[in-house]
């Protein structure tokens, strides 16, 4: 399935707009706490464990969105937007959401 942040795909024609699709993933409090507690993991100002958690959450959100689009009969998703936000009373969880428009292209 083709996924893009643009509103169209050059050389392709959209023949059907199916509708909005989305996917979400939440990184639990343990990873966020480990990030702040595990400063020794930081090399050059980056935390490998935290970055890996974010990549995994992004992959889960994108896969959920693709699965939803496939169930609806789409073969592409356009206008994809990824959003990252903290949730919970003290911001101890991070949510990654992916949203886009499922379409059929020829």
N, C-alpha and C. Protein backbone atom coordinates (compact mmCIF):
# COMPACT_ATOMS: atom_id res chain seq x y z
N UNK A 1 0.85 -1.18 0.00
CA UNK A 1 0.00 0.00 0.00
C UNK A 1 0.88 1.23 0.00
N UNK A 2 0.55 2.16 -0.87
CA UNK A 2 1.30 3.41 -0.96
C UNK A 2 0.76 4.40 0.07
N UNK A 3 1.69 5.00 0.83
CA UNK A 3 1.31 5.97 1.85
C UNK A 3 2.13 7.23 1.61
N UNK A 4 1.45 8.38 1.61
CA UNK A 4 2.15 9.64 1.36
C UNK A 4 1.53 10.77 2.18
N UNK A 5 2.36 11.76 2.47
CA UNK A 5 1.87 12.94 3.18
C UNK A 5 1.27 13.96 2.22
N UNK A 6 1.46 13.76 0.93
CA UNK A 6 0.94 14.70 -0.07
C UNK A 6 -0.53 14.42 -0.38
N UNK A 7 -1.24 15.41 -0.95
CA UNK A 7 -2.66 15.21 -1.24
C UNK A 7 -2.93 14.42 -2.51
N UNK A 8 -1.90 14.12 -3.27
CA UNK A 8 -2.06 13.30 -4.48
C UNK A 8 -0.73 12.62 -4.79
N UNK A 9 -0.74 11.76 -5.78
CA UNK A 9 0.46 11.04 -6.16
C UNK A 9 0.67 11.28 -7.66
N UNK A 10 1.79 11.88 -7.98
CA UNK A 10 2.08 12.23 -9.36
C UNK A 10 2.03 10.99 -10.25
N UNK A 11 1.32 11.12 -11.38
CA UNK A 11 1.20 10.03 -12.32
C UNK A 11 0.11 9.04 -12.00
N UNK A 12 -0.57 9.22 -10.87
CA UNK A 12 -1.67 8.33 -10.47
C UNK A 12 -2.95 9.14 -10.42
N UNK A 13 -4.05 8.46 -10.72
CA UNK A 13 -5.35 9.12 -10.67
C UNK A 13 -6.19 8.49 -9.58
N UNK A 14 -6.73 9.32 -8.71
CA UNK A 14 -7.61 8.84 -7.64
C UNK A 14 -8.98 8.62 -8.26
N UNK A 15 -9.49 7.40 -8.11
CA UNK A 15 -10.81 7.11 -8.68
C UNK A 15 -11.89 7.01 -7.60
N UNK A 16 -11.47 6.91 -6.33
CA UNK A 16 -12.46 6.84 -5.26
C UNK A 16 -11.83 7.29 -3.95
N UNK A 17 -12.46 8.26 -3.30
CA UNK A 17 -12.07 8.67 -1.96
C UNK A 17 -12.92 7.87 -0.99
N UNK A 18 -12.28 7.02 -0.21
CA UNK A 18 -13.02 6.16 0.72
C UNK A 18 -13.31 6.89 2.03
N UNK A 19 -12.31 7.58 2.56
CA UNK A 19 -12.54 8.33 3.79
C UNK A 19 -11.36 8.30 4.73
N UNK A 20 -11.55 8.92 5.86
CA UNK A 20 -10.51 9.05 6.87
C UNK A 20 -10.19 7.69 7.51
N UNK A 21 -8.91 7.41 7.66
CA UNK A 21 -8.45 6.22 8.38
C UNK A 21 -7.43 6.68 9.41
N UNK A 22 -7.31 5.92 10.49
CA UNK A 22 -6.36 6.30 11.53
C UNK A 22 -5.83 5.10 12.28
N UNK A 23 -4.77 5.34 13.00
CA UNK A 23 -4.18 4.33 13.87
C UNK A 23 -3.51 5.03 15.03
N UNK A 24 -3.49 4.37 16.17
CA UNK A 24 -2.88 4.95 17.37
C UNK A 24 -2.01 3.93 18.07
N UNK A 25 -1.03 4.43 18.80
CA UNK A 25 -0.20 3.60 19.66
C UNK A 25 0.21 4.45 20.84
N UNK A 26 0.31 3.82 22.01
CA UNK A 26 0.68 4.54 23.23
C UNK A 26 1.91 3.88 23.84
N UNK A 27 2.90 4.71 24.14
CA UNK A 27 4.09 4.24 24.86
C UNK A 27 3.79 4.43 26.33
N UNK A 28 3.89 3.36 27.09
CA UNK A 28 3.55 3.41 28.50
C UNK A 28 4.50 4.22 29.35
N UNK A 29 4.09 4.45 30.56
CA UNK A 29 4.84 5.29 31.50
C UNK A 29 6.24 4.74 31.77
N UNK A 30 6.40 3.44 31.74
CA UNK A 30 7.70 2.86 32.07
C UNK A 30 8.79 3.35 31.13
N UNK A 31 8.49 3.41 29.83
CA UNK A 31 9.50 3.86 28.87
C UNK A 31 9.87 5.31 29.11
N UNK A 32 8.87 6.14 29.38
CA UNK A 32 9.14 7.56 29.62
C UNK A 32 9.97 7.72 30.88
N UNK A 33 9.59 7.00 31.96
CA UNK A 33 10.36 7.08 33.20
C UNK A 33 11.77 6.55 32.97
N UNK A 34 11.90 5.46 32.24
CA UNK A 34 13.22 4.91 31.96
C UNK A 34 14.08 5.89 31.18
N UNK A 35 13.44 6.66 30.32
CA UNK A 35 14.18 7.66 29.55
C UNK A 35 14.84 8.67 30.49
N UNK A 36 14.07 9.17 31.44
CA UNK A 36 14.63 10.17 32.34
C UNK A 36 15.57 9.54 33.36
N UNK A 37 15.28 8.33 33.78
CA UNK A 37 16.11 7.67 34.78
C UNK A 37 17.38 7.10 34.16
N UNK A 38 17.30 6.69 32.91
CA UNK A 38 18.43 6.03 32.28
C UNK A 38 19.29 6.97 31.47
N UNK A 39 19.75 8.03 32.09
CA UNK A 39 20.57 9.01 31.39
C UNK A 39 21.83 8.36 30.82
N UNK A 40 22.28 7.28 31.42
CA UNK A 40 23.49 6.62 30.91
C UNK A 40 23.28 6.07 29.50
N UNK A 41 22.04 5.91 29.08
CA UNK A 41 21.74 5.42 27.73
C UNK A 41 21.92 6.51 26.68
N UNK A 42 22.02 7.74 27.12
CA UNK A 42 22.09 8.85 26.19
C UNK A 42 23.52 8.98 25.67
N UNK A 43 23.64 8.98 24.35
CA UNK A 43 24.94 9.15 23.71
C UNK A 43 24.80 10.28 22.71
N UNK A 44 25.59 11.31 22.87
CA UNK A 44 25.50 12.43 21.95
C UNK A 44 24.17 13.16 22.02
N UNK A 45 23.53 13.16 23.19
CA UNK A 45 22.27 13.87 23.36
C UNK A 45 21.06 13.09 22.90
N UNK A 46 21.23 11.81 22.56
CA UNK A 46 20.11 10.99 22.08
C UNK A 46 19.97 9.75 22.94
N UNK A 47 18.74 9.30 23.10
CA UNK A 47 18.47 8.07 23.85
C UNK A 47 18.02 6.98 22.90
N UNK A 48 18.85 5.97 22.72
CA UNK A 48 18.52 4.87 21.83
C UNK A 48 17.25 4.15 22.23
N UNK A 49 17.06 3.91 23.51
CA UNK A 49 15.88 3.18 23.98
C UNK A 49 14.61 3.99 23.71
N UNK A 50 14.66 5.28 23.97
CA UNK A 50 13.49 6.13 23.76
C UNK A 50 13.17 6.25 22.28
N UNK A 51 14.20 6.43 21.46
CA UNK A 51 13.99 6.53 20.02
C UNK A 51 13.42 5.23 19.46
N UNK A 52 13.90 4.10 19.95
CA UNK A 52 13.38 2.81 19.50
C UNK A 52 11.90 2.67 19.88
N UNK A 53 11.55 3.11 21.07
CA UNK A 53 10.15 3.07 21.49
C UNK A 53 9.27 3.94 20.61
N UNK A 54 9.76 5.11 20.26
CA UNK A 54 9.00 6.00 19.37
C UNK A 54 8.84 5.39 17.98
N UNK A 55 9.92 4.80 17.45
CA UNK A 55 9.84 4.16 16.13
C UNK A 55 8.83 3.02 16.15
N UNK A 56 8.86 2.25 17.21
CA UNK A 56 7.92 1.12 17.33
C UNK A 56 6.48 1.63 17.40
N UNK A 57 6.24 2.66 18.19
CA UNK A 57 4.89 3.21 18.31
C UNK A 57 4.43 3.78 16.96
N UNK A 58 5.32 4.44 16.24
CA UNK A 58 4.97 4.99 14.93
C UNK A 58 4.62 3.86 13.96
N UNK A 59 5.40 2.79 13.98
CA UNK A 59 5.13 1.64 13.11
C UNK A 59 3.78 1.01 13.41
N UNK A 60 3.46 0.89 14.68
CA UNK A 60 2.17 0.31 15.09
C UNK A 60 1.02 1.19 14.59
N UNK A 61 1.15 2.51 14.79
CA UNK A 61 0.10 3.43 14.37
C UNK A 61 -0.09 3.38 12.85
N UNK A 62 1.01 3.36 12.09
CA UNK A 62 0.92 3.30 10.63
C UNK A 62 0.32 1.98 10.17
N UNK A 63 0.72 0.87 10.82
CA UNK A 63 0.18 -0.44 10.44
C UNK A 63 -1.31 -0.51 10.72
N UNK A 64 -1.75 0.00 11.87
CA UNK A 64 -3.19 0.03 12.17
C UNK A 64 -3.96 0.83 11.13
N UNK A 65 -3.39 1.96 10.71
CA UNK A 65 -4.04 2.79 9.70
C UNK A 65 -4.11 2.05 8.37
N UNK A 66 -3.01 1.39 7.97
CA UNK A 66 -3.00 0.63 6.71
C UNK A 66 -3.99 -0.52 6.74
N UNK A 67 -4.04 -1.23 7.86
CA UNK A 67 -4.98 -2.35 7.99
C UNK A 67 -6.42 -1.86 7.83
N UNK A 68 -6.74 -0.74 8.45
CA UNK A 68 -8.09 -0.18 8.32
C UNK A 68 -8.39 0.18 6.87
N UNK A 69 -7.43 0.80 6.20
CA UNK A 69 -7.62 1.20 4.80
C UNK A 69 -7.81 -0.03 3.90
N UNK A 70 -7.04 -1.07 4.13
CA UNK A 70 -7.17 -2.30 3.33
C UNK A 70 -8.55 -2.93 3.53
N UNK A 71 -9.03 -2.95 4.77
CA UNK A 71 -10.36 -3.51 5.05
C UNK A 71 -11.45 -2.74 4.31
N UNK A 72 -11.21 -1.45 4.07
CA UNK A 72 -12.18 -0.61 3.36
C UNK A 72 -12.02 -0.68 1.85
N UNK A 73 -11.00 -1.40 1.37
CA UNK A 73 -10.80 -1.56 -0.06
C UNK A 73 -9.86 -0.55 -0.70
N UNK A 74 -9.11 0.18 0.08
CA UNK A 74 -8.18 1.18 -0.45
C UNK A 74 -6.87 0.52 -0.90
N UNK A 75 -6.19 1.18 -1.82
CA UNK A 75 -4.86 0.73 -2.19
C UNK A 75 -3.81 1.82 -1.95
N UNK A 76 -4.22 2.94 -1.36
CA UNK A 76 -3.30 4.02 -1.02
C UNK A 76 -3.91 4.87 0.08
N UNK A 77 -3.03 5.60 0.79
CA UNK A 77 -3.47 6.57 1.80
C UNK A 77 -2.72 7.87 1.50
N UNK A 78 -3.47 8.93 1.34
CA UNK A 78 -2.87 10.23 1.05
C UNK A 78 -3.08 11.19 2.22
N UNK A 79 -2.31 12.28 2.22
CA UNK A 79 -2.48 13.31 3.24
C UNK A 79 -2.18 12.81 4.64
N UNK A 80 -1.25 11.90 4.80
CA UNK A 80 -0.96 11.31 6.11
C UNK A 80 -0.30 12.33 7.03
N UNK A 81 -0.77 12.35 8.26
CA UNK A 81 -0.23 13.23 9.29
C UNK A 81 0.07 12.39 10.52
N UNK A 82 1.27 12.53 11.05
CA UNK A 82 1.64 11.87 12.29
C UNK A 82 1.63 12.90 13.41
N UNK A 83 1.07 12.52 14.54
CA UNK A 83 0.98 13.44 15.67
C UNK A 83 1.51 12.72 16.91
N UNK A 84 2.30 13.42 17.69
CA UNK A 84 2.86 12.89 18.93
C UNK A 84 2.40 13.79 20.06
N UNK A 85 1.83 13.20 21.11
CA UNK A 85 1.39 14.02 22.24
C UNK A 85 1.47 13.23 23.53
N UNK A 86 1.68 13.95 24.62
CA UNK A 86 1.70 13.31 25.93
C UNK A 86 0.28 13.25 26.46
N UNK A 87 0.01 12.17 27.17
CA UNK A 87 -1.31 12.01 27.79
C UNK A 87 -1.12 11.51 29.21
N UNK A 88 -2.17 11.54 29.97
CA UNK A 88 -2.09 11.14 31.36
C UNK A 88 -1.93 12.37 32.24
N UNK A 89 -2.20 12.18 33.51
CA UNK A 89 -2.17 13.29 34.45
C UNK A 89 -0.85 14.03 34.51
N UNK A 90 0.24 13.32 34.45
CA UNK A 90 1.55 13.98 34.53
C UNK A 90 2.34 13.83 33.23
N UNK A 91 1.63 13.55 32.14
CA UNK A 91 2.31 13.42 30.85
C UNK A 91 3.23 12.22 30.79
N UNK A 92 2.87 11.18 31.53
CA UNK A 92 3.75 10.02 31.63
C UNK A 92 3.58 9.02 30.49
N UNK A 93 2.69 9.30 29.59
CA UNK A 93 2.50 8.42 28.44
C UNK A 93 2.57 9.25 27.16
N UNK A 94 3.04 8.62 26.11
CA UNK A 94 3.14 9.30 24.82
C UNK A 94 2.27 8.57 23.82
N UNK A 95 1.41 9.32 23.12
CA UNK A 95 0.55 8.73 22.10
C UNK A 95 1.03 9.17 20.73
N UNK A 96 1.11 8.20 19.83
CA UNK A 96 1.42 8.48 18.43
C UNK A 96 0.17 8.16 17.64
N UNK A 97 -0.30 9.12 16.85
CA UNK A 97 -1.47 8.85 16.02
C UNK A 97 -1.12 9.15 14.57
N UNK A 98 -1.68 8.33 13.68
CA UNK A 98 -1.50 8.49 12.24
C UNK A 98 -2.89 8.64 11.63
N UNK A 99 -3.07 9.66 10.80
CA UNK A 99 -4.35 9.92 10.14
C UNK A 99 -4.10 10.20 8.67
N UNK A 100 -5.01 9.75 7.84
CA UNK A 100 -4.90 10.01 6.41
C UNK A 100 -6.21 9.71 5.71
N UNK A 101 -6.23 9.90 4.41
CA UNK A 101 -7.41 9.63 3.60
C UNK A 101 -7.17 8.40 2.75
N UNK A 102 -8.00 7.38 2.95
CA UNK A 102 -7.91 6.15 2.18
C UNK A 102 -8.52 6.39 0.81
N UNK A 103 -7.80 5.96 -0.24
CA UNK A 103 -8.26 6.16 -1.61
C UNK A 103 -8.01 4.92 -2.43
N UNK A 104 -8.68 4.87 -3.58
CA UNK A 104 -8.38 3.86 -4.60
C UNK A 104 -7.78 4.60 -5.77
N UNK A 105 -6.60 4.16 -6.17
CA UNK A 105 -5.89 4.78 -7.31
C UNK A 105 -5.77 3.78 -8.43
N UNK A 106 -5.68 4.30 -9.65
CA UNK A 106 -5.42 3.39 -10.77
C UNK A 106 -4.07 3.69 -11.37
